[in-house]
Each structure stands twice: as structure tokens, then as C-alpha cells.
Protein backbone atom coordinates (compact mmCIF):
# COMPACT_ATOMS: atom_id res chain seq x y z
CA UNK A 1 -8.34 -2.26 1.40
CA UNK A 2 -10.90 -0.42 3.56
CA UNK A 3 -11.01 3.34 3.01
CA UNK A 4 -12.60 5.98 5.22
CA UNK A 5 -14.98 8.72 3.95
CA UNK A 6 -11.91 11.03 4.45
CA UNK A 7 -9.95 9.22 1.92
CA UNK A 8 -12.81 9.42 -0.56
CA UNK A 9 -12.71 13.25 -0.10
CA UNK A 10 -9.08 13.42 -0.90
CA UNK A 11 -9.42 11.18 -3.91
CA UNK A 12 -12.12 13.42 -5.24
CA UNK A 13 -9.67 16.37 -4.84
CA UNK A 14 -7.07 14.53 -6.80
CA UNK A 15 -9.55 14.34 -9.89
CA UNK A 16 -10.47 10.65 -9.20
CA UNK A 17 -14.14 9.80 -9.26
CA UNK A 18 -15.39 8.51 -6.00
CA UNK A 19 -19.00 7.63 -5.28
CA UNK A 20 -20.53 8.98 -2.06
CA UNK A 21 -22.56 5.84 -1.61
CA UNK A 22 -21.12 3.05 0.56
CA UNK A 23 -18.37 0.79 -0.92
CA UNK A 24 -19.83 -2.06 -2.90
CA UNK A 25 -17.96 -5.26 -3.94
CA UNK A 26 -20.58 -6.27 -6.72
CA UNK A 27 -19.38 -5.90 -10.40
CA UNK A 28 -19.35 -2.24 -11.69
CA UNK A 29 -20.80 -1.06 -15.01
CA UNK A 30 -18.24 -1.19 -17.68
CA UNK A 31 -18.44 2.43 -18.88
CA UNK A 32 -18.09 3.51 -15.15
CA UNK A 33 -14.74 1.64 -14.91
CA UNK A 34 -13.65 3.20 -18.19
CA UNK A 35 -14.60 6.67 -16.99
CA UNK A 36 -12.58 6.12 -13.82
CA UNK A 37 -9.54 4.99 -15.72
CA UNK A 38 -9.64 7.98 -18.07
CA UNK A 39 -9.46 10.24 -15.13
CA UNK A 40 -6.47 8.64 -13.84
CA UNK A 41 -2.88 10.21 -14.66
CA UNK A 42 -1.66 6.74 -15.40
CA UNK A 43 -4.53 5.94 -17.83
CA UNK A 44 -2.32 6.75 -20.89
CA UNK A 45 -0.08 3.90 -19.93
CA UNK A 46 -2.84 1.38 -20.61
CA UNK A 47 -5.23 3.38 -22.86
CA UNK A 48 -4.23 1.82 -26.20
CA UNK A 49 -4.71 -1.79 -25.14
CA UNK A 50 -7.95 -0.97 -23.17
CA UNK A 51 -9.33 1.04 -26.24
CA UNK A 52 -8.44 -1.81 -28.63
CA UNK A 53 -10.19 -4.41 -26.56
CA UNK A 54 -13.20 -2.03 -25.95
CA UNK A 55 -13.48 -1.44 -29.64
CA UNK A 56 -13.06 -4.93 -30.90
CA UNK A 57 -15.00 -6.95 -28.25
CA UNK A 58 -16.57 -4.78 -25.53
CA UNK A 59 -18.42 -7.92 -24.26
CA UNK A 60 -15.14 -9.60 -23.57
CA UNK A 61 -13.90 -6.64 -21.48
CA UNK A 62 -17.15 -6.70 -19.60
CA UNK A 63 -16.92 -10.47 -18.91
CA UNK A 64 -13.50 -10.02 -17.57
CA UNK A 65 -14.77 -7.49 -15.17
CA UNK A 66 -17.80 -9.58 -14.12
CA UNK A 67 -15.59 -12.75 -13.69
CA UNK A 68 -12.82 -10.90 -11.75
CA UNK A 69 -13.81 -12.19 -8.43
CA UNK A 70 -13.71 -15.81 -9.84
CA UNK A 71 -10.36 -15.70 -11.67
CA UNK A 72 -7.00 -16.19 -9.98
CA UNK A 73 -4.27 -13.97 -10.61
CA UNK A 74 -1.72 -15.70 -12.94
CA UNK A 75 1.91 -15.68 -11.79
CA UNK A 76 4.12 -13.51 -13.97
CA UNK A 77 7.70 -14.69 -15.01
CA UNK A 78 10.42 -13.39 -12.55
CA UNK A 79 11.48 -9.93 -13.67
CA UNK A 80 13.77 -7.28 -12.17
CA UNK A 81 11.40 -4.34 -12.76
CA UNK A 82 7.61 -4.85 -12.35
CA UNK A 83 5.93 -5.21 -15.66
CA UNK A 84 2.23 -4.60 -15.09
CA UNK A 85 -0.38 -5.35 -17.83
CA UNK A 86 -3.71 -3.60 -17.93
CA UNK A 87 -5.46 -6.90 -17.38
CA UNK A 88 -4.09 -6.93 -13.95
CA UNK A 89 -6.35 -4.12 -13.06
CA UNK A 90 -9.25 -6.64 -13.64
CA UNK A 91 -8.10 -8.97 -10.75
CA UNK A 92 -9.50 -8.05 -7.29
CA UNK A 93 -8.11 -9.57 -4.18
CA UNK A 94 -10.07 -11.91 -1.87
CA UNK A 95 -12.39 -10.07 0.45
CA UNK A 96 -10.69 -9.03 3.78
CA UNK A 97 -12.26 -8.44 7.16
CA UNK A 98 -12.92 -5.01 8.43
CA UNK A 99 -9.74 -3.54 10.26
CA UNK A 100 -11.58 -3.72 13.59
CA UNK A 101 -11.98 -7.51 12.90
CA UNK A 102 -8.50 -8.25 12.12
CA UNK A 103 -6.48 -10.21 14.65
CA UNK A 104 -2.81 -9.14 15.42
CA UNK A 105 -0.39 -11.43 13.84
CA UNK A 106 1.96 -13.06 16.31
CA UNK A 107 5.72 -13.59 15.85
CA UNK A 108 5.41 -17.23 16.68
CA UNK A 109 3.37 -17.85 13.49
CA UNK A 110 6.58 -17.33 11.36
CA UNK A 111 9.43 -18.39 13.52
CA UNK A 112 10.32 -20.34 16.65
CA UNK A 113 10.41 -17.74 19.25
CA UNK A 114 11.56 -20.06 22.03
CA UNK A 115 14.90 -20.33 20.26
CA UNK A 116 15.63 -16.65 20.65
CA UNK A 117 14.21 -15.82 23.95
CA UNK A 118 17.61 -15.86 25.58
CA UNK A 119 19.26 -13.81 22.97
CA UNK A 120 20.13 -10.02 23.43
CA UNK A 121 18.74 -7.38 21.08
CA UNK A 122 21.80 -7.25 18.90
CA UNK A 123 21.69 -11.09 18.40
CA UNK A 124 17.95 -10.97 17.61
CA UNK A 125 18.45 -8.26 15.08
CA UNK A 126 21.21 -10.16 13.28
CA UNK A 127 19.11 -13.36 13.25
CA UNK A 128 16.12 -11.56 11.90
CA UNK A 129 17.91 -9.71 9.24
CA UNK A 130 19.76 -12.84 8.14
CA UNK A 131 16.61 -14.88 8.20
CA UNK A 132 15.00 -12.51 5.68
CA UNK A 133 18.08 -11.73 3.64
CA UNK A 134 17.52 -14.64 1.13
CA UNK A 135 13.86 -14.56 1.15
CA UNK A 136 12.10 -13.41 -2.10
CA UNK A 137 9.61 -10.50 -2.27
CA UNK A 138 10.30 -9.55 1.34
CA UNK A 139 11.97 -6.72 3.23
CA UNK A 140 12.77 -6.66 6.86
CA UNK A 141 14.29 -4.46 9.59
CA UNK A 142 14.25 -3.84 13.33
CA UNK A 143 12.84 -0.81 14.98
CA UNK A 144 13.84 0.69 18.36
CA UNK A 145 10.93 0.46 20.79
CA UNK A 146 10.85 4.41 21.20
CA UNK A 147 10.41 4.86 17.51
CA UNK A 148 7.67 2.29 17.33
CA UNK A 149 5.75 4.06 20.10
CA UNK A 150 5.94 7.20 18.10
CA UNK A 151 4.70 5.28 14.99
CA UNK A 152 1.76 3.93 16.93
CA UNK A 153 0.77 7.20 18.37
CA UNK A 154 0.87 9.00 14.99
CA UNK A 155 -0.89 6.01 13.33
CA UNK A 156 -3.81 6.37 15.79
CA UNK A 157 -4.09 10.11 14.66
CA UNK A 158 -3.51 9.58 11.03
CA UNK A 159 -4.62 6.06 10.09
CA UNK A 160 -4.83 6.67 6.40
CA UNK A 161 -2.30 8.55 4.14
CA UNK A 162 -1.04 8.80 0.52
CA UNK A 163 2.65 8.34 -0.61
CA UNK A 164 4.27 9.35 -3.86
CA UNK A 165 6.25 6.59 -5.28
CA UNK A 166 9.02 7.52 -7.96
CA UNK A 167 8.51 5.77 -11.22
CA UNK A 168 10.52 5.92 -14.49
CA UNK A 169 7.76 8.07 -16.01
CA UNK A 170 6.94 10.33 -13.12
CA UNK A 171 5.26 9.31 -9.76
CA UNK A 172 2.53 6.85 -8.78
CA UNK A 173 0.41 7.49 -5.67
CA UNK A 174 0.09 4.72 -3.22
CA UNK A 175 -2.46 4.57 -0.52
CA UNK A 176 -1.79 3.20 2.87
CA UNK A 177 -3.94 2.40 6.07
CA UNK A 178 -2.82 1.03 9.53
CA UNK A 179 -4.69 -1.78 11.04
CA UNK A 180 -3.65 -3.44 14.23
CA UNK A 181 -0.01 -4.22 13.75
CA UNK A 182 -0.02 -3.98 10.07
CA UNK A 183 0.12 -1.44 7.28
CA UNK A 184 -1.52 -2.00 3.97
CA UNK A 185 -0.51 -0.31 0.77
CA UNK A 186 -2.32 -0.29 -2.59
CA UNK A 187 -1.87 1.77 -5.83
CA UNK A 188 -4.44 4.49 -6.17
CA UNK A 189 -5.28 3.21 -9.73
CA UNK A 190 -6.20 -0.24 -8.42
CA UNK A 191 -8.49 1.29 -5.75
CA UNK A 192 -10.26 3.23 -8.40
CA UNK A 193 -11.20 -0.16 -10.24
CA UNK A 194 -11.87 -2.35 -7.16
CA UNK A 195 -12.52 -0.06 -4.15
CA UNK A 196 -12.50 -2.23 -0.91
CA UNK A 197 -11.24 -5.23 -2.92
CA UNK A 198 -8.20 -3.46 -4.41
CA UNK A 199 -5.10 -5.87 -4.44
CA UNK A 200 -2.26 -4.77 -2.15
CA UNK A 201 1.21 -4.10 -3.40
CA UNK A 202 2.74 -4.20 0.06
CA UNK A 203 1.82 -5.28 3.57
CA UNK A 204 4.07 -4.49 6.51
CA UNK A 205 3.74 -6.19 9.89
CA UNK A 206 5.32 -5.18 13.17
CA UNK A 207 5.94 -7.74 15.70
CA UNK A 208 6.28 -6.12 19.19
CA UNK A 209 6.80 -9.14 21.37
CA UNK A 210 10.19 -7.86 22.41
CA UNK A 211 9.36 -4.16 22.60
CA UNK A 212 9.58 -4.13 26.35
CA UNK A 213 12.00 -6.88 27.14
CA UNK A 214 14.57 -6.26 24.37
CA UNK A 215 13.87 -2.77 23.28
CA UNK A 216 13.17 -3.53 19.68
CA UNK A 217 10.32 -4.29 17.35
CA UNK A 218 10.77 -6.63 14.33
CA UNK A 219 9.32 -5.39 10.92
CA UNK A 220 8.58 -7.53 7.85
CA UNK A 221 7.19 -6.37 4.61
CA UNK A 222 5.83 -8.71 1.90
CA UNK A 223 5.40 -7.18 -1.60
CA UNK A 224 3.77 -8.27 -4.81
CA UNK A 225 6.49 -8.47 -7.46
CA UNK A 226 4.05 -7.85 -10.28
CA UNK A 227 3.47 -4.36 -8.89
CA UNK A 228 6.57 -3.08 -7.19
CA UNK A 229 10.10 -4.16 -6.70
CA UNK A 230 12.28 -4.55 -3.61
CA UNK A 231 13.67 -0.98 -3.89
CA UNK A 232 10.15 0.52 -4.28
CA UNK A 233 8.95 -1.50 -1.31
CA UNK A 234 11.86 -0.15 0.77
CA UNK A 235 10.97 3.30 -0.44
CA UNK A 236 7.46 3.00 0.86
CA UNK A 237 8.70 1.56 4.22
CA UNK A 238 11.18 4.50 4.50
CA UNK A 239 8.34 6.98 3.91
CA UNK A 240 6.40 5.51 6.82
CA UNK A 241 9.55 6.24 8.98
CA UNK A 242 9.76 9.74 7.53
CA UNK A 243 6.16 10.84 8.11
CA UNK A 244 5.16 8.76 11.18
CA UNK A 245 8.37 8.63 13.25
CA UNK A 246 10.78 11.44 12.31
CA UNK A 247 9.99 14.93 13.59
CA UNK A 248 9.48 17.00 10.44
CA UNK A 249 7.13 19.96 10.66
CA UNK A 250 6.39 20.00 6.88
CA UNK A 251 5.49 16.30 6.86
CA UNK A 252 3.51 16.65 10.01
CA UNK A 253 1.51 19.45 8.48
CA UNK A 254 0.70 17.27 5.45
CA UNK A 255 -0.67 14.56 7.82
CA UNK A 256 -2.70 17.09 9.52
CA UNK A 257 -4.16 18.63 6.34
CA UNK A 258 -4.84 15.19 4.83
CA UNK A 259 -6.77 14.06 7.98
CA UNK A 260 -8.49 17.24 9.19
CA UNK A 261 -8.71 19.48 6.07
CA UNK A 262 -8.93 17.14 3.04
CA UNK A 263 -10.26 19.84 0.84
CA UNK A 264 -7.08 21.68 1.14
CA UNK A 265 -4.71 18.80 0.61
CA UNK A 266 -2.68 18.77 -2.59
CA UNK A 267 -1.02 15.54 -3.72
CA UNK A 268 1.64 17.56 -5.50
CA UNK A 269 2.97 18.46 -2.09
CA UNK A 270 3.93 14.81 -1.64
CA UNK A 271 6.02 14.93 -4.79
CA UNK A 272 7.80 18.15 -3.61
CA UNK A 273 8.84 16.34 -0.37
CA UNK A 274 10.35 13.39 -2.49
CA UNK A 275 12.15 15.89 -4.71
CA UNK A 276 13.50 17.81 -1.81
CA UNK A 277 14.81 14.53 -0.37
CA UNK A 278 16.69 13.73 -3.52
CA UNK A 279 18.28 17.17 -3.63
CA UNK A 280 19.44 17.14 -0.03
């Protein structure tokens, strides 16, 4: 996930160590990684296991970090709730292209568009939602064209943002970044370990082929079941709508402050928005 200097400023304000030098993808010093993890509010969740391995065999921990780019992420057993192990933090994703180099994904890459060309918007909506209903680790929806236009306009102004995701033991912060017709999400904790190579927990793609002719845009989100579940993926998708489509002065102010005055941004304000939503 490619993060701007603005994002690094905000992360610093949230008490996460971020180096001012350019993002590097070479293996990091073991102590530096441990220091970063200790500064993370979710460190306690993994502290015991990390400390044990660090004490018993620090070389093993270092080897895992150095070999992270060579190891493939093991598939976890199907579970209802994500059950992340601290070892997952050692697994980076494959290096992606810069956002400016990414090509916009086309609808015909996942379905035969010629079969729905003659369908009206309601029929396409039904086909799209039914098509994804039984697909695993995937969410889908249709968006009115006017809402998608608002989304794109705001995404151009605020291409990077932070969301608070409710968890059983509090909240976890998830970073998002817009690139072409996609939105990429990654846990803040993962970014602290892997920087630009942080594995994503959710990728949302908007297919706008029928924006003008049918008045709708097709949305598809694919999530990593080892990090979030379907409900949490939907929660993140809903927050995109809440912040980037709906007219809400308080949320608009948070976008403005995050983008233009990062030193004044308070991540606790994101939690307040979620709590207010739960009460209302």
C-alpha cells in the first residue's frame, strides 16, 4: 500500500514511529520492528508470544523477518471470526505498482458483459447481487451514478484516510487509499511492520461501465478472511459511503483536517463518529 508524506505525519501524531526517509522494502532491523510494535495500541495482543520467541531464539525471529518476502502466506482453516496470529505480521504482500501505474480493472475481466448489455438497471442490479451472494470472502453492491460522482470528487480531494473498525476489545485503525477505480485498505499495525508492502485486508473495485447508460456503478469488495470477516468488510465499505458520499459536516471536517492540517487530526474523533452512529 503506497502512503503519502501526509499519511506519515498523521501516523506520527497517533504515536506510531514513521521514518522521514523514503519508504524502503528491504528487511528492517529486528529491534526497530519490535520498537514499532511496542508503540502500537494492539501490541499487548501479541506481546507475550513475541517476547517469548525474542527471548528464546531472537535469531529465529530475525530470520522470519528477513525471509518474509520469500515465504508464502499459509492458508488458515475456515473460521467465523478472524483469528490472527502474530506471525502473520511477518508476511508482506507482493510488491505492487505505484497508484499512477495501475490500470483500471474492467468489468469484462470478471463477467460476460455482452450477456447483460440489453438488461435494464434493476435487472443488472439483481444479476450482480445474486452473482456475488454465494461467493466467499466477497461483498458487492450497486451505487447510483450520482453517488459515484460524489465519491470520485471527494476521493480526488482526500485520496488517503483512516477508519476506526469496531473490535471485541476496542477499535482497530484501518488505512485506505484510492487508486484509479479501486480502494485499498490495510490495518495500521501491518503498515507499521511492512510499510509499502503491507498486506491489504480489503480491496474495493468500482466498475463504471454502466454509469452513463444504466445510471449505476457496480461495486465489488474482496477481503482477507484471516484479517477481517464479512461484517467488518461491509462496515469499512459503509464508512466509505458515510465519509465520501453522504453530506455530513462533521465527517467532512475530519477529511479536511486529516488532509490539510494533519498535526491537528485526532484519531479519537473517528471513534466518536462510530459511537454516535451506534447511539443514533
